[in-house]
Amino acid sequence: MTFDAVLTEAVHRQACDHLLRHVRGGHRQEEVCFALWRPATGASRRSAVVFELVLPAAGERLLHGNASFEPGYLTRAVRLACARGAGLAFMHNHLSGGWQDMSEPDVTAERDRIAPPARASGLPLVGLTLATDGAWSARFWTRDGTRFRRSWCTKVRVVGQRLRVTCNDALMPPPGRRATLRRTIDTWGEARQQDIARLRVGVVGVGSVGCMVAETLARMGIGNLVLVDPDRVETHNLDRLLYAGEADIGKFKVDLALRNLQRGATAERFHVEVHAHPIQHEVACRAVLDCDVLFSAVDRPLPKDLLNRIAYAHCIPVISGGVHIDNKLSGELANALWSVTVVGPGRRCLRCDGQYTSSDVVMERDGSLDDPAYVRLPGGGRPPANQNVFPFSANLASLMVIEMVRLTVAEAWWPEPGGKLSYSLIPGRLRTVHERCEDACSVSEGTALGDGYRYPFLVDAAAAESSSPAGGGPMEVVKHVLGAGRRLLRMFARGG
């Protein structure tokens, strides 16, 4: 199990305003405060999602070049953590940049003074150090017999309009400069390339769009990818899949994508984890919770809803893309539109953006979405499903990866990125839409809940195996395991 920490951009800014205020004023003075965190657990990573600062009141800490806190401040913070069902975090700043080590007084304060009472919350103490350049370092203090053991985090993420990642070079050594990446490094610099290369990126849906997204990421030097898709290649897929030919019909898309990526990857060490399950399957869901960025190349409402909620509860940015084609009754092309939306803390969610509704989710859940009675057109026909062609897929995939580049390489002086990019084919126009979530949006209200959010459609792996009908594929497993959906419709109506 590895450890990470993550802060929303709003919490990060508040922490910088408090911890760095003396430094910004020209004084070499350290500062301290406590904070609250919730666990967010994937298959192999446990993240501390820091969601609230507990700032010191008058007389609760002393400033003397270094900084110290009074016992009453610690007691108040521990009680608040227990009342909120959260863990306790301790923050302080150092007077240099980059990932920070700990001095002996730092270790003594966290290990001996704070970690023992912090156990009252039922969660380990998390220590965080803020550098003058805004970089964070973090560690977990866990009980090991009679002593507390320090486990360093591999990285700390700040998630909002941009994604800022500070890596622990001791646990995640930066990749060396490779000749195969010369042009990439020359474009945005070696430091940014080191950050990008050490991201763990998930691609959910590796059809026409997702396979090109994954191919681009592999050629950019990213060393860790997670691919999720339950589908097998069919004949009508062959005009849009980079990795498949007629001999591949019937094979899992993720297996073929893996084979193709290994040929073109430029990272020195390249690892791809594949899951031939829907994202609602517990194993696949846990795997994507280990990621730093997710790409959503799915067109069904249920997986969209799960990824939408993960973006906020676990503070993992999701880059979602889709294509819509309008045809005349005669079959001729009337227009085509494709859009890219980045969702996560501080951004408009997919549901508020109108990309799906709660009713759509429940209808897919109980099978109604695929019932002809629900989708029949007035004239008796049915709208074509999963429309797309290769040139549209290629353009959409490119836009999606470019949004990840903007998310990760943006400098402070860059304009704030937009929430949604929409391209309309006939006028040949790309426009940017800046909007926020609706008031009382239950998705954005779940920001930083971590494991505290329970997705109602998640399929337990053991239950799926024991309940699967003979010969059932992944989607059949989901439909079989999950019961009637009308109760969940009432839950959504209550804002669940």
Protein backbone atom coordinates (compact mmCIF):
# COMPACT_ATOMS: atom_id res chain seq x y z
CA MET A 1 0.00 0.00 0.00
CA THR A 2 1.31 3.42 -0.96
CA PHE A 3 0.27 6.73 0.59
CA ASP A 4 -0.70 10.06 -0.97
CA ALA A 5 -2.28 13.31 0.17
CA VAL A 6 -4.62 15.57 -1.78
CA LEU A 7 -6.02 19.06 -1.18
CA THR A 8 -8.62 20.99 -3.09
CA GLU A 9 -7.37 24.24 -4.56
CA ALA A 10 -9.54 26.19 -2.10
CA VAL A 11 -7.99 24.45 0.94
CA HIS A 12 -4.50 24.84 -0.56
CA ARG A 13 -4.96 28.59 -0.99
CA GLN A 14 -6.28 28.99 2.54
CA ALA A 15 -3.32 27.03 3.90
CA CYS A 16 -0.85 29.13 1.89
CA ASP A 17 -2.46 32.35 3.12
CA HIS A 18 -2.00 31.23 6.73
CA LEU A 19 1.29 29.32 6.68
CA LEU A 20 3.19 31.60 4.28
CA ARG A 21 1.87 34.99 5.37
CA HIS A 22 5.02 35.86 7.36
CA VAL A 23 7.31 34.68 4.53
CA ARG A 24 5.34 36.74 2.02
CA GLY A 25 5.83 39.71 4.33
CA GLY A 26 9.61 39.27 4.21
CA HIS A 27 10.06 37.54 7.58
CA ARG A 28 11.81 34.21 8.18
CA GLN A 29 9.05 32.95 10.41
CA GLU A 30 7.47 29.49 10.42
CA GLU A 31 3.78 28.91 11.13
CA VAL A 32 1.57 25.97 12.17
CA CYS A 33 -2.04 24.84 12.08
CA PHE A 34 -4.13 21.69 12.28
CA ALA A 35 -6.49 20.30 9.63
CA LEU A 36 -9.00 17.50 9.10
CA TRP A 37 -8.74 14.71 6.53
CA ARG A 38 -10.75 11.76 5.23
CA PRO A 39 -9.38 8.52 3.74
CA ALA A 40 -9.79 7.71 0.04
CA THR A 41 -8.79 4.11 -0.58
CA GLY A 42 -7.98 2.46 -3.90
CA ALA A 43 -6.62 -0.98 -4.69
CA SER A 44 -3.05 -0.10 -3.72
CA ARG A 45 -3.12 3.53 -2.56
CA ARG A 46 -4.49 5.30 0.48
CA SER A 47 -4.92 9.04 0.15
CA ALA A 48 -5.55 11.61 2.85
CA VAL A 49 -8.12 14.06 1.48
CA VAL A 50 -7.59 17.27 3.47
CA PHE A 51 -10.89 19.14 3.54
CA GLU A 52 -10.84 21.69 6.40
CA LEU A 53 -8.28 23.78 8.30
CA VAL A 54 -8.45 24.24 12.06
CA LEU A 55 -6.76 27.62 12.41
CA PRO A 56 -5.26 28.70 15.75
CA ALA A 57 -7.13 31.08 17.99
CA ALA A 58 -5.38 33.79 19.98
CA GLY A 59 -2.87 32.32 22.42
CA GLU A 60 -2.99 28.79 20.95
CA ARG A 61 0.46 28.91 19.32
CA LEU A 62 3.77 30.72 19.81
CA LEU A 63 5.96 32.24 17.08
CA HIS A 64 9.68 32.50 17.76
CA GLY A 65 11.36 31.98 14.38
CA ASN A 66 10.16 28.43 14.68
CA ALA A 67 6.57 27.85 15.80
CA SER A 68 5.00 25.79 18.58
CA PHE A 69 1.45 25.10 19.74
CA GLU A 70 -0.22 25.04 23.13
CA PRO A 71 -1.81 21.81 24.49
CA GLY A 72 -5.26 23.40 24.38
CA TYR A 73 -5.00 23.89 20.60
CA LEU A 74 -4.17 20.21 20.07
CA THR A 75 -7.04 19.16 22.35
CA ARG A 76 -9.52 21.32 20.45
CA ALA A 77 -8.35 19.95 17.10
CA VAL A 78 -8.57 16.31 18.26
CA ARG A 79 -12.09 16.83 19.60
CA LEU A 80 -13.18 18.43 16.34
CA ALA A 81 -11.72 15.53 14.32
CA CYS A 82 -13.61 13.03 16.46
CA ALA A 83 -16.85 15.00 16.15
CA ARG A 84 -16.51 15.14 12.34
CA GLY A 85 -15.54 11.48 11.95
CA ALA A 86 -12.27 12.63 10.40
CA GLY A 87 -8.56 12.18 10.92
CA LEU A 88 -6.21 14.85 12.29
CA ALA A 89 -3.53 16.49 10.15
CA PHE A 90 -0.74 18.80 11.32
CA MET A 91 0.59 21.45 8.94
CA HIS A 92 3.67 23.64 9.15
CA ASN A 93 5.89 25.47 6.70
CA HIS A 94 9.58 25.44 5.89
CA LEU A 95 11.66 28.26 4.48
CA SER A 96 12.86 26.56 1.28
CA GLY A 97 11.31 25.09 -1.87
CA GLY A 98 10.40 21.63 -3.15
CA TRP A 99 9.72 18.39 -1.28
CA GLN A 100 10.75 18.85 2.36
CA ASP A 101 12.44 16.45 4.78
CA MET A 102 11.89 16.68 8.54
CA SER A 103 14.16 18.05 11.26
CA GLU A 104 14.48 16.20 14.56
CA PRO A 105 12.18 18.70 16.33
CA ASP A 106 9.62 18.15 13.52
CA VAL A 107 9.76 14.38 14.08
CA THR A 108 9.48 14.73 17.84
CA ALA A 109 6.45 17.03 17.58
CA GLU A 110 4.51 14.79 15.19
CA ARG A 111 5.55 11.35 16.45
CA ASP A 112 5.61 11.96 20.21
CA ARG A 113 3.30 14.89 20.90
CA ILE A 114 0.56 14.78 18.24
CA ALA A 115 0.29 11.19 16.97
CA PRO A 116 -0.74 9.60 20.32
CA PRO A 117 -3.77 11.85 21.01
CA ALA A 118 -4.64 11.87 17.27
CA ARG A 119 -5.36 8.12 17.56
CA ALA A 120 -8.62 9.04 19.29
CA SER A 121 -10.06 9.78 15.84
CA GLY A 122 -9.48 6.19 14.76
CA LEU A 123 -7.22 7.34 11.90
CA PRO A 124 -3.46 7.96 11.71
CA LEU A 125 -1.93 11.40 12.06
CA VAL A 126 -1.02 12.94 8.72
CA GLY A 127 1.79 15.49 8.73
CA LEU A 128 2.14 18.03 5.90
CA THR A 129 4.92 20.52 5.22
CA LEU A 130 4.44 23.50 2.91
CA ALA A 131 7.47 24.91 1.06
CA THR A 132 7.89 28.55 0.04
CA ASP A 133 7.09 27.68 -3.60
CA GLY A 134 3.76 26.09 -2.68
CA ALA A 135 5.04 22.50 -2.87
CA TRP A 136 3.77 20.04 -0.24
CA SER A 137 5.32 17.00 1.36
CA ALA A 138 3.35 14.55 3.54
CA ARG A 139 3.57 11.41 5.68
CA PHE A 140 1.33 9.07 7.67
CA TRP A 141 2.10 8.12 11.28
CA THR A 142 0.77 4.63 12.01
CA ARG A 143 0.95 2.63 15.22
CA ASP A 144 3.48 -0.22 15.05
CA GLY A 145 3.36 -2.07 18.36
CA THR A 146 4.31 0.49 20.99
CA ARG A 147 5.81 3.02 18.57
CA PHE A 148 4.62 5.22 15.74
CA ARG A 149 6.08 4.50 12.32
CA ARG A 150 6.40 7.14 9.60
CA SER A 151 5.31 6.25 6.05
CA TRP A 152 6.20 8.90 3.50
CA CYS A 153 3.69 9.77 0.80
CA THR A 154 4.74 9.23 -2.81
CA LYS A 155 3.15 12.52 -3.90
CA VAL A 156 0.85 15.34 -2.83
CA ARG A 157 -1.78 16.65 -5.26
CA VAL A 158 -3.60 19.98 -5.35
CA VAL A 159 -6.78 19.68 -7.44
CA GLY A 160 -8.89 22.49 -8.86
CA GLN A 161 -8.70 24.57 -12.02
CA ARG A 162 -5.22 23.09 -12.37
CA LEU A 163 -3.53 19.93 -11.14
CA ARG A 164 -0.33 20.54 -9.22
CA VAL A 165 1.66 17.48 -8.12
CA THR A 166 4.73 17.39 -5.87
CA CYS A 167 6.49 14.01 -6.05
CA ASN A 168 8.73 12.39 -3.46
CA ASP A 169 11.86 11.76 -5.52
CA ALA A 170 13.11 9.18 -3.02
CA LEU A 171 10.06 6.97 -3.62
CA MET A 172 9.30 8.04 -7.22
CA PRO A 173 12.62 8.87 -8.90
CA PRO A 174 12.19 11.27 -11.83
CA PRO A 175 12.69 9.64 -15.23
CA GLY A 176 15.90 10.34 -17.07
CA ARG A 177 16.03 12.36 -20.26
CA ARG A 178 15.40 9.94 -23.14
CA ALA A 179 16.15 10.55 -26.80
CA THR A 180 12.70 9.22 -27.72
CA LEU A 181 11.14 12.13 -25.79
CA ARG A 182 13.42 14.88 -27.02
CA ARG A 183 10.70 16.85 -28.85
CA THR A 184 8.23 16.41 -25.99
CA ILE A 185 10.71 17.69 -23.40
CA ASP A 186 11.71 20.59 -25.64
CA THR A 187 8.04 21.63 -25.77
CA TRP A 188 7.30 22.14 -22.06
CA GLY A 189 10.57 21.49 -20.28
CA GLU A 190 12.13 18.66 -18.33
CA ALA A 191 10.58 19.58 -14.98
CA ARG A 192 7.02 19.46 -16.34
CA GLN A 193 7.78 16.25 -18.22
CA GLN A 194 8.98 14.64 -14.98
CA ASP A 195 5.69 15.56 -13.31
CA ILE A 196 3.59 14.27 -16.22
CA ALA A 197 5.59 11.04 -16.60
CA ARG A 198 5.01 10.10 -12.95
CA LEU A 199 1.24 10.49 -13.10
CA ARG A 200 -0.92 7.37 -12.92
CA VAL A 201 -3.64 7.85 -15.54
CA GLY A 202 -6.81 5.83 -16.07
CA VAL A 203 -8.74 5.50 -19.35
CA VAL A 204 -12.28 4.20 -18.93
CA GLY A 205 -13.56 3.00 -22.28
CA VAL A 206 -10.94 2.05 -24.88
CA GLY A 207 -13.06 2.17 -28.00
CA SER A 208 -12.43 4.60 -30.83
CA VAL A 209 -11.76 7.63 -28.58
CA GLY A 210 -10.22 5.91 -25.57
CA CYS A 211 -7.70 3.90 -27.58
CA MET A 212 -6.33 7.10 -29.18
CA VAL A 213 -6.19 8.82 -25.79
CA ALA A 214 -4.21 5.87 -24.37
CA GLU A 215 -1.90 5.81 -27.41
CA THR A 216 -1.14 9.52 -27.01
CA LEU A 217 -0.44 9.16 -23.29
CA ALA A 218 1.94 6.25 -23.89
CA ARG A 219 3.86 8.23 -26.51
CA MET A 220 4.05 11.23 -24.14
CA GLY A 221 6.14 9.16 -21.74
CA ILE A 222 3.55 8.37 -19.07
CA GLY A 223 4.70 5.17 -17.37
CA ASN A 224 1.57 3.96 -15.56
CA LEU A 225 -1.81 3.48 -17.21
CA VAL A 226 -5.03 1.77 -16.12
CA LEU A 227 -7.44 0.64 -18.87
CA VAL A 228 -11.06 -0.31 -18.11
CA ASP A 229 -13.51 -1.66 -20.68
CA PRO A 230 -15.74 -4.77 -20.55
CA ASP A 231 -16.38 -4.97 -24.30
CA ARG A 232 -15.05 -7.25 -27.01
CA VAL A 233 -14.25 -6.18 -30.57
CA GLU A 234 -17.15 -6.45 -33.03
CA THR A 235 -17.16 -6.10 -36.81
CA HIS A 236 -18.66 -2.62 -36.78
CA ASN A 237 -15.79 -1.39 -34.55
CA LEU A 238 -13.08 -2.03 -37.13
CA ASP A 239 -13.29 1.33 -38.92
CA ARG A 240 -12.44 3.14 -35.68
CA LEU A 241 -10.00 1.01 -33.64
CA LEU A 242 -6.26 1.59 -34.01
CA TYR A 243 -5.37 -1.76 -32.50
CA ALA A 244 -7.79 -4.22 -34.15
CA GLY A 245 -8.30 -6.07 -37.43
CA GLU A 246 -10.64 -8.81 -38.56
CA ALA A 247 -8.58 -11.46 -36.79
CA ASP A 248 -9.25 -9.68 -33.47
CA ILE A 249 -13.06 -9.91 -33.54
CA GLY A 250 -14.28 -11.36 -30.25
CA LYS A 251 -11.19 -10.41 -28.24
CA PHE A 252 -11.29 -8.03 -25.28
CA LYS A 253 -10.54 -4.45 -26.25
CA VAL A 254 -8.32 -3.87 -23.22
CA ASP A 255 -6.06 -6.80 -24.12
CA LEU A 256 -5.63 -5.56 -27.69
CA ALA A 257 -5.03 -2.00 -26.52
CA LEU A 258 -2.33 -3.24 -24.14
CA ARG A 259 -0.57 -5.07 -26.97
CA ASN A 260 -0.62 -1.94 -29.12
CA LEU A 261 0.55 0.43 -26.37
CA GLN A 262 3.58 -1.68 -25.54
CA ARG A 263 4.85 -1.14 -29.10
CA GLY A 264 4.66 2.66 -28.98
CA ALA A 265 5.37 3.53 -25.33
CA THR A 266 8.31 5.88 -24.78
CA ALA A 267 8.69 5.58 -20.97
CA GLU A 268 11.75 3.72 -19.73
CA ARG A 269 9.53 1.69 -17.40
CA PHE A 270 6.02 1.19 -18.79
CA HIS A 271 3.23 -0.57 -16.91
CA VAL A 272 -0.40 -1.01 -17.98
CA GLU A 273 -3.08 -2.51 -15.74
CA VAL A 274 -6.12 -3.80 -17.64
CA HIS A 275 -9.63 -4.62 -16.39
CA ALA A 276 -12.18 -6.26 -18.68
CA HIS A 277 -14.98 -5.19 -16.35
CA PRO A 278 -17.40 -2.26 -16.27
CA ILE A 279 -16.29 0.60 -14.05
CA GLN A 280 -19.14 -0.31 -11.67
CA HIS A 281 -17.33 -3.56 -10.85
CA GLU A 282 -15.56 -3.19 -7.51
CA VAL A 283 -12.17 -4.36 -8.81
CA ALA A 284 -12.18 -1.88 -11.69
CA CYS A 285 -13.45 0.94 -9.50
CA ARG A 286 -10.74 0.36 -6.89
CA ALA A 287 -8.12 0.40 -9.64
CA VAL A 288 -9.16 3.82 -10.98
CA LEU A 289 -9.13 5.23 -7.43
CA ASP A 290 -5.35 4.73 -7.55
CA CYS A 291 -5.13 7.21 -10.45
CA ASP A 292 -4.24 10.90 -10.46
CA VAL A 293 -6.22 11.73 -13.64
CA LEU A 294 -9.07 9.85 -15.34
CA PHE A 295 -10.32 9.93 -18.91
CA SER A 296 -13.97 9.07 -19.47
CA ALA A 297 -14.66 7.76 -22.99
CA VAL A 298 -18.01 6.15 -22.14
CA ASP A 299 -21.46 7.03 -23.42
CA ARG A 300 -23.67 5.26 -20.85
CA PRO A 301 -25.19 7.24 -17.96
CA LEU A 302 -24.34 4.80 -15.17
CA PRO A 303 -20.53 4.82 -15.63
CA LYS A 304 -20.67 8.56 -16.30
CA ASP A 305 -22.40 9.06 -12.97
CA LEU A 306 -19.84 6.97 -11.09
CA LEU A 307 -16.88 8.78 -12.66
CA ASN A 308 -18.58 12.12 -12.06
CA ARG A 309 -18.91 11.39 -8.35
CA ILE A 310 -15.37 9.99 -8.05
CA ALA A 311 -14.04 13.28 -9.47
CA TYR A 312 -15.43 15.16 -6.46
CA ALA A 313 -15.46 12.67 -3.59
CA HIS A 314 -11.89 11.44 -4.27
CA CYS A 315 -10.58 14.67 -5.84
CA ILE A 316 -9.44 12.95 -9.05
CA PRO A 317 -9.97 15.14 -12.14
CA VAL A 318 -12.02 13.42 -14.85
CA ILE A 319 -11.70 14.50 -18.48
CA SER A 320 -14.90 13.46 -20.24
CA GLY A 321 -15.55 13.52 -23.98
CA GLY A 322 -18.44 12.67 -26.26
CA VAL A 323 -19.67 12.94 -29.85
CA HIS A 324 -23.20 13.66 -31.05
CA ILE A 325 -24.18 13.33 -34.71
CA ASP A 326 -27.36 14.76 -36.25
CA ASN A 327 -28.64 13.07 -39.40
CA LYS A 328 -31.44 14.13 -41.71
CA LEU A 329 -34.31 11.72 -42.21
CA SER A 330 -32.74 10.91 -45.57
CA GLY A 331 -29.60 9.79 -43.77
CA GLU A 332 -27.39 12.71 -44.77
CA LEU A 333 -25.20 14.47 -42.22
CA ALA A 334 -26.88 17.53 -40.70
CA ASN A 335 -24.21 18.38 -38.12
CA ALA A 336 -21.75 16.81 -35.70
CA LEU A 337 -20.73 18.11 -32.31
CA TRP A 338 -18.13 16.91 -29.87
CA SER A 339 -17.22 18.30 -26.48
CA VAL A 340 -14.66 17.91 -23.71
CA THR A 341 -15.52 18.60 -20.08
CA VAL A 342 -13.08 18.54 -17.15
CA VAL A 343 -14.86 17.84 -13.88
CA GLY A 344 -13.68 17.91 -10.27
CA PRO A 345 -13.56 20.28 -7.28
CA GLY A 346 -14.40 23.86 -8.27
CA ARG A 347 -15.82 22.86 -11.67
CA ARG A 348 -19.28 22.14 -13.10
CA CYS A 349 -20.22 18.44 -12.83
CA LEU A 350 -21.44 16.27 -15.71
CA ARG A 351 -24.98 16.01 -14.35
CA CYS A 352 -25.40 19.78 -13.99
CA ASP A 353 -23.93 20.09 -17.49
CA GLY A 354 -26.87 18.02 -18.77
CA GLN A 355 -24.80 15.07 -20.00
CA TYR A 356 -27.05 12.63 -18.14
CA THR A 357 -29.87 12.65 -15.58
CA SER A 358 -30.50 10.62 -12.45
CA SER A 359 -33.47 9.03 -14.23
CA ASP A 360 -31.14 7.90 -17.03
CA VAL A 361 -28.93 6.17 -14.45
CA VAL A 362 -31.83 4.31 -12.87
CA MET A 363 -33.26 3.33 -16.26
CA GLU A 364 -29.91 1.82 -17.25
CA ARG A 365 -29.72 0.17 -13.87
CA ASP A 366 -33.03 -1.66 -14.27
CA GLY A 367 -32.74 -2.27 -18.03
CA SER A 368 -35.36 0.28 -19.12
CA LEU A 369 -32.84 2.38 -21.03
CA ASP A 370 -32.47 -0.36 -23.63
CA ASP A 371 -36.20 -1.10 -23.82
CA PRO A 372 -37.49 0.02 -27.26
CA ALA A 373 -40.65 1.34 -25.60
CA TYR A 374 -38.59 4.05 -23.90
CA VAL A 375 -36.55 5.19 -26.88
CA ARG A 376 -38.87 4.78 -29.87
CA LEU A 377 -39.23 7.90 -32.02
CA PRO A 378 -42.69 9.27 -32.95
CA GLY A 379 -42.41 7.91 -36.49
CA GLY A 380 -41.67 4.42 -35.24
CA GLY A 381 -37.89 4.50 -35.78
CA ARG A 382 -35.17 4.49 -33.16
CA PRO A 383 -32.24 6.89 -32.85
CA PRO A 384 -28.89 5.34 -33.75
CA ALA A 385 -26.73 4.57 -30.74
CA ASN A 386 -22.98 5.06 -30.23
CA GLN A 387 -22.58 7.15 -33.37
CA ASN A 388 -19.03 8.05 -34.31
CA VAL A 389 -16.52 7.92 -37.14
CA PHE A 390 -12.73 7.86 -37.05
CA PRO A 391 -11.99 11.54 -37.89
CA PHE A 392 -14.42 12.75 -35.20
CA SER A 393 -12.94 10.30 -32.67
CA ALA A 394 -9.41 11.44 -33.49
CA ASN A 395 -10.24 15.12 -33.00
CA LEU A 396 -12.06 14.46 -29.74
CA ALA A 397 -9.23 12.31 -28.36
CA SER A 398 -6.73 15.03 -29.20
CA LEU A 399 -8.80 17.70 -27.44
CA MET A 400 -9.13 15.49 -24.35
CA VAL A 401 -5.38 14.97 -24.01
CA ILE A 402 -4.73 18.67 -24.67
CA GLU A 403 -7.00 19.46 -21.72
CA MET A 404 -4.84 17.20 -19.54
CA VAL A 405 -1.75 19.05 -20.77
CA ARG A 406 -3.38 22.38 -19.86
CA LEU A 407 -4.30 20.94 -16.48
CA THR A 408 -0.77 19.85 -15.66
CA VAL A 409 1.68 22.24 -17.37
CA ALA A 410 -0.15 25.54 -16.88
CA GLU A 411 1.92 28.34 -15.35
CA ALA A 412 0.46 30.78 -12.83
CA TRP A 413 0.15 33.52 -15.48
CA TRP A 414 -1.97 31.39 -17.85
CA PRO A 415 -5.66 32.40 -18.07
CA GLU A 416 -7.96 30.21 -16.03
CA PRO A 417 -8.96 27.23 -18.18
CA GLY A 418 -12.55 26.86 -19.33
CA GLY A 419 -14.92 24.26 -18.00
CA LYS A 420 -16.09 22.85 -21.34
CA LEU A 421 -14.90 22.91 -24.95
CA SER A 422 -17.55 22.36 -27.63
CA TYR A 423 -16.82 21.98 -31.35
CA SER A 424 -19.54 22.23 -34.00
CA LEU A 425 -18.61 20.78 -37.39
CA ILE A 426 -20.84 22.73 -39.79
CA PRO A 427 -19.85 26.25 -38.68
CA GLY A 428 -16.36 24.96 -37.81
CA ARG A 429 -16.47 26.72 -34.45
CA LEU A 430 -14.87 25.84 -31.10
CA ARG A 431 -16.32 27.60 -28.08
CA THR A 432 -15.58 27.60 -24.38
CA VAL A 433 -18.31 27.48 -21.72
CA HIS A 434 -17.66 28.68 -18.15
CA GLU A 435 -20.39 27.55 -15.73
CA ARG A 436 -20.75 26.29 -12.16
CA CYS A 437 -22.88 23.57 -10.63
CA GLU A 438 -26.49 24.22 -9.77
CA ASP A 439 -27.32 25.24 -6.20
CA ALA A 440 -27.44 22.29 -3.78
CA CYS A 441 -25.86 19.90 -6.33
CA SER A 442 -25.45 16.59 -4.49
CA VAL A 443 -22.40 15.72 -6.62
CA SER A 444 -20.34 18.83 -5.81
CA GLU A 445 -21.58 18.70 -2.20
CA GLY A 446 -19.78 15.36 -1.98
CA THR A 447 -16.39 17.03 -2.57
CA ALA A 448 -13.59 15.49 -0.45
CA LEU A 449 -15.84 12.84 1.14
CA GLY A 450 -13.39 10.11 0.06
CA ASP A 451 -14.49 6.71 1.35
CA GLY A 452 -17.37 8.46 3.10
CA TYR A 453 -19.27 8.46 -0.19
CA ARG A 454 -20.94 5.13 -0.98
CA TYR A 455 -21.89 4.65 -4.61
CA PRO A 456 -25.13 2.60 -4.65
CA PHE A 457 -24.42 0.74 -7.92
CA LEU A 458 -20.98 -0.66 -7.11
CA VAL A 459 -20.84 -4.41 -7.72
CA ASP A 460 -19.00 -6.47 -5.13
CA ALA A 461 -16.51 -8.72 -6.90
CA ALA A 462 -17.34 -11.84 -4.84
CA ALA A 463 -21.07 -11.31 -5.24
CA ALA A 464 -20.65 -10.83 -8.97
CA GLU A 465 -18.79 -14.13 -9.31
CA SER A 466 -21.27 -16.11 -7.20
CA SER A 467 -24.37 -14.54 -8.76
CA SER A 468 -23.26 -14.46 -12.40
CA PRO A 469 -25.54 -16.40 -14.73
CA ALA A 470 -23.82 -19.09 -16.78
CA GLY A 471 -22.07 -17.55 -19.76
CA GLY A 472 -22.86 -14.00 -18.63
CA GLY A 473 -20.44 -11.27 -19.66
CA PRO A 474 -19.53 -8.28 -17.48
CA MET A 475 -22.62 -6.27 -18.32
CA GLU A 476 -24.83 -9.29 -17.69
CA VAL A 477 -23.16 -9.67 -14.30
CA VAL A 478 -24.04 -6.08 -13.43
CA LYS A 479 -27.67 -6.48 -14.48
CA HIS A 480 -27.99 -9.79 -12.67
CA VAL A 481 -26.43 -8.70 -9.40
CA LEU A 482 -28.22 -5.41 -9.12
CA GLY A 483 -31.91 -5.67 -8.21
CA ALA A 484 -34.84 -3.44 -9.14
CA GLY A 485 -34.01 0.26 -9.55
CA ARG A 486 -37.18 2.06 -8.57
CA ARG A 487 -36.07 2.40 -4.95
CA LEU A 488 -32.92 4.16 -6.16
CA LEU A 489 -34.98 6.56 -8.25
CA ARG A 490 -36.66 7.69 -5.03
CA MET A 491 -33.21 8.04 -3.45
CA PHE A 492 -32.01 10.28 -6.30
CA ALA A 493 -35.16 12.36 -5.94
CA ARG A 494 -34.08 13.02 -2.34
CA GLY A 495 -30.67 14.23 -3.63
CA GLY A 496 -28.68 11.04 -2.97
